[in-house]
Amino acid sequence: MLEDFVSAFLGLIVLSKEKAEEFIDLLVEKGEMQRDEAQKLVNRMIDKGKEEKDRLAEQLQQVKSKLEDREKYVSQDELARVERKIDELAALLKEKLT
């Protein structure tokens, strides 16, 4: 699920970059922006996208670490099951010793 989310996010970034480039090309064609200004804008957008991707990757890593930490602990159901087994074994041992 996490990989699907990342793939969708990256797809959105690519789509947004393409749309931004189309818009910038339109501005250049209409003479509202110079080609070098447009290239600087595209580069800034790419840099922002990379920063956002890195930020997202770090957040995902933190979530993954938290999930892995949670897996180190047993659930209440698992603990209850182990306690029942210990009680059964204690009863068996007591029965054998008496």
C-alpha atoms as a PDB file:
ATOM      1  CA  MET A   1       0.000   0.000   0.000  1.00  0.00           C
ATOM      2  CA  LEU A   2       2.840   2.348   0.871  1.00  0.00           C
ATOM      3  CA  GLU A   3       4.556   1.688  -2.455  1.00  0.00           C
ATOM      4  CA  ASP A   4       1.298   2.402  -4.300  1.00  0.00           C
ATOM      5  CA  PHE A   5       0.997   5.725  -2.489  1.00  0.00           C
ATOM      6  CA  VAL A   6       4.565   6.713  -3.386  1.00  0.00           C
ATOM      7  CA  SER A   7       4.043   5.694  -7.018  1.00  0.00           C
ATOM      8  CA  ALA A   8       0.835   7.701  -7.226  1.00  0.00           C
ATOM      9  CA  PHE A   9       2.521  10.710  -5.653  1.00  0.00           C
ATOM     10  CA  LEU A  10       5.451  10.543  -8.054  1.00  0.00           C
ATOM     11  CA  GLY A  11       3.041  10.165 -10.973  1.00  0.00           C
ATOM     12  CA  LEU A  12       1.253  13.293  -9.810  1.00  0.00           C
ATOM     13  CA  ILE A  13       4.565  15.150  -9.664  1.00  0.00           C
ATOM     14  CA  VAL A  14       5.441  14.092 -13.219  1.00  0.00           C
ATOM     15  CA  LEU A  15       1.998  15.094 -14.462  1.00  0.00           C
ATOM     16  CA  SER A  16       2.254  18.442 -12.667  1.00  0.00           C
ATOM     17  CA  LYS A  17       5.705  19.053 -14.152  1.00  0.00           C
ATOM     18  CA  GLU A  18       4.381  18.376 -17.650  1.00  0.00           C
ATOM     19  CA  LYS A  19       1.428  20.702 -17.112  1.00  0.00           C
ATOM     20  CA  ALA A  20       3.722  23.400 -15.711  1.00  0.00           C
ATOM     21  CA  GLU A  21       6.034  23.101 -18.716  1.00  0.00           C
ATOM     22  CA  GLU A  22       3.048  23.382 -21.060  1.00  0.00           C
ATOM     23  CA  PHE A  23       1.889  26.525 -19.243  1.00  0.00           C
ATOM     24  CA  ILE A  24       5.380  28.040 -19.326  1.00  0.00           C
ATOM     25  CA  ASP A  25       5.708  27.254 -23.044  1.00  0.00           C
ATOM     26  CA  LEU A  26       2.398  29.020 -23.596  1.00  0.00           C
ATOM     27  CA  LEU A  27       3.657  32.105 -21.712  1.00  0.00           C
ATOM     28  CA  VAL A  28       6.848  32.120 -23.781  1.00  0.00           C
ATOM     29  CA  GLU A  29       4.870  31.809 -27.016  1.00  0.00           C
ATOM     30  CA  LYS A  30       2.678  34.738 -26.031  1.00  0.00           C
ATOM     31  CA  GLY A  31       5.754  36.767 -25.181  1.00  0.00           C
ATOM     32  CA  GLU A  32       4.821  37.136 -21.540  1.00  0.00           C
ATOM     33  CA  MET A  33       7.977  35.410 -20.376  1.00  0.00           C
ATOM     34  CA  GLN A  34      11.493  35.038 -21.763  1.00  0.00           C
ATOM     35  CA  ARG A  35      12.880  31.551 -22.430  1.00  0.00           C
ATOM     36  CA  ASP A  36      15.660  31.962 -19.804  1.00  0.00           C
ATOM     37  CA  GLU A  37      13.110  33.094 -17.196  1.00  0.00           C
ATOM     38  CA  ALA A  38      10.964  30.102 -18.072  1.00  0.00           C
ATOM     39  CA  GLN A  39      13.922  27.746 -17.714  1.00  0.00           C
ATOM     40  CA  LYS A  40      14.745  29.222 -14.289  1.00  0.00           C
ATOM     41  CA  LEU A  41      11.141  28.741 -13.240  1.00  0.00           C
ATOM     42  CA  VAL A  42      11.137  25.119 -14.405  1.00  0.00           C
ATOM     43  CA  ASN A  43      14.416  24.498 -12.556  1.00  0.00           C
ATOM     44  CA  ARG A  44      12.998  26.012  -9.360  1.00  0.00           C
ATOM     45  CA  MET A  45       9.921  23.836  -9.694  1.00  0.00           C
ATOM     46  CA  ILE A  46      12.068  20.741 -10.206  1.00  0.00           C
ATOM     47  CA  ASP A  47      14.162  21.615  -7.157  1.00  0.00           C
ATOM     48  CA  LYS A  48      11.021  22.115  -5.060  1.00  0.00           C
ATOM     49  CA  GLY A  49       9.695  18.788  -6.288  1.00  0.00           C
ATOM     50  CA  LYS A  50      12.934  17.040  -5.286  1.00  0.00           C
ATOM     51  CA  GLU A  51      12.832  18.686  -1.857  1.00  0.00           C
ATOM     52  CA  GLU A  52       9.236  17.591  -1.412  1.00  0.00           C
ATOM     53  CA  LYS A  53      10.080  14.048  -2.547  1.00  0.00           C
ATOM     54  CA  ASP A  54      12.952  13.898  -0.047  1.00  0.00           C
ATOM     55  CA  ARG A  55      10.721  15.241   2.721  1.00  0.00           C
ATOM     56  CA  LEU A  56       8.059  12.673   1.892  1.00  0.00           C
ATOM     57  CA  ALA A  57      10.639   9.861   1.779  1.00  0.00           C
ATOM     58  CA  GLU A  58      11.860  10.835   5.248  1.00  0.00           C
ATOM     59  CA  GLN A  59       8.318  10.918   6.610  1.00  0.00           C
ATOM     60  CA  LEU A  60       7.605   7.514   5.094  1.00  0.00           C
ATOM     61  CA  GLN A  61      10.775   6.140   6.661  1.00  0.00           C
ATOM     62  CA  GLN A  62       9.676   7.455  10.056  1.00  0.00           C
ATOM     63  CA  VAL A  63       6.274   5.805   9.669  1.00  0.00           C
ATOM     64  CA  LYS A  64       7.945   2.565   8.611  1.00  0.00           C
ATOM     65  CA  SER A  65      10.233   2.683  11.662  1.00  0.00           C
ATOM     66  CA  LYS A  66       7.270   3.254  13.975  1.00  0.00           C
ATOM     67  CA  LEU A  67       5.431   0.319  12.429  1.00  0.00           C
ATOM     68  CA  GLU A  68       8.485  -1.890  12.806  1.00  0.00           C
ATOM     69  CA  ASP A  69       8.799  -0.822  16.446  1.00  0.00           C
ATOM     70  CA  ARG A  70       5.158  -1.738  17.070  1.00  0.00           C
ATOM     71  CA  GLU A  71       5.780  -5.198  15.623  1.00  0.00           C
ATOM     72  CA  LYS A  72       8.372  -5.831  18.355  1.00  0.00           C
ATOM     73  CA  TYR A  73       5.632  -5.953  20.980  1.00  0.00           C
ATOM     74  CA  VAL A  74       2.988  -8.618  21.455  1.00  0.00           C
ATOM     75  CA  SER A  75      -0.695  -7.857  21.224  1.00  0.00           C
ATOM     76  CA  GLN A  76      -3.074  -8.273  24.147  1.00  0.00           C
ATOM     77  CA  ASP A  77      -4.506 -11.391  22.484  1.00  0.00           C
ATOM     78  CA  GLU A  78      -1.058 -12.929  22.083  1.00  0.00           C
ATOM     79  CA  LEU A  79      -0.195 -12.161  25.700  1.00  0.00           C
ATOM     80  CA  ALA A  80      -3.465 -13.703  26.910  1.00  0.00           C
ATOM     81  CA  ARG A  81      -2.779 -16.830  24.834  1.00  0.00           C
ATOM     82  CA  VAL A  82       0.700 -17.210  26.338  1.00  0.00           C
ATOM     83  CA  GLU A  83      -0.683 -16.659  29.848  1.00  0.00           C
ATOM     84  CA  ARG A  84      -3.279 -19.394  29.267  1.00  0.00           C
ATOM     85  CA  LYS A  85      -0.545 -21.784  28.096  1.00  0.00           C
ATOM     86  CA  ILE A  86       1.538 -20.994  31.182  1.00  0.00           C
ATOM     87  CA  ASP A  87      -1.483 -21.624  33.402  1.00  0.00           C
ATOM     88  CA  GLU A  88      -2.122 -24.939  31.626  1.00  0.00           C
ATOM     89  CA  LEU A  89       1.511 -25.986  32.030  1.00  0.00           C
ATOM     90  CA  ALA A  90       1.533 -24.927  35.690  1.00  0.00           C
ATOM     91  CA  ALA A  91      -1.609 -26.985  36.302  1.00  0.00           C
ATOM     92  CA  LEU A  92      -0.075 -29.992  34.552  1.00  0.00           C
ATOM     93  CA  LEU A  93       3.132 -29.668  36.548  1.00  0.00           C
ATOM     94  CA  LYS A  94       1.219 -29.353  39.806  1.00  0.00           C
ATOM     95  CA  GLU A  95      -0.840 -32.424  38.900  1.00  0.00           C
ATOM     96  CA  LYS A  96       2.304 -34.446  38.135  1.00  0.00           C
ATOM     97  CA  LEU A  97       3.999 -33.388  41.374  1.00  0.00           C
ATOM     98  CA  THR A  98       1.055 -34.301  43.565  1.00  0.00           C
END
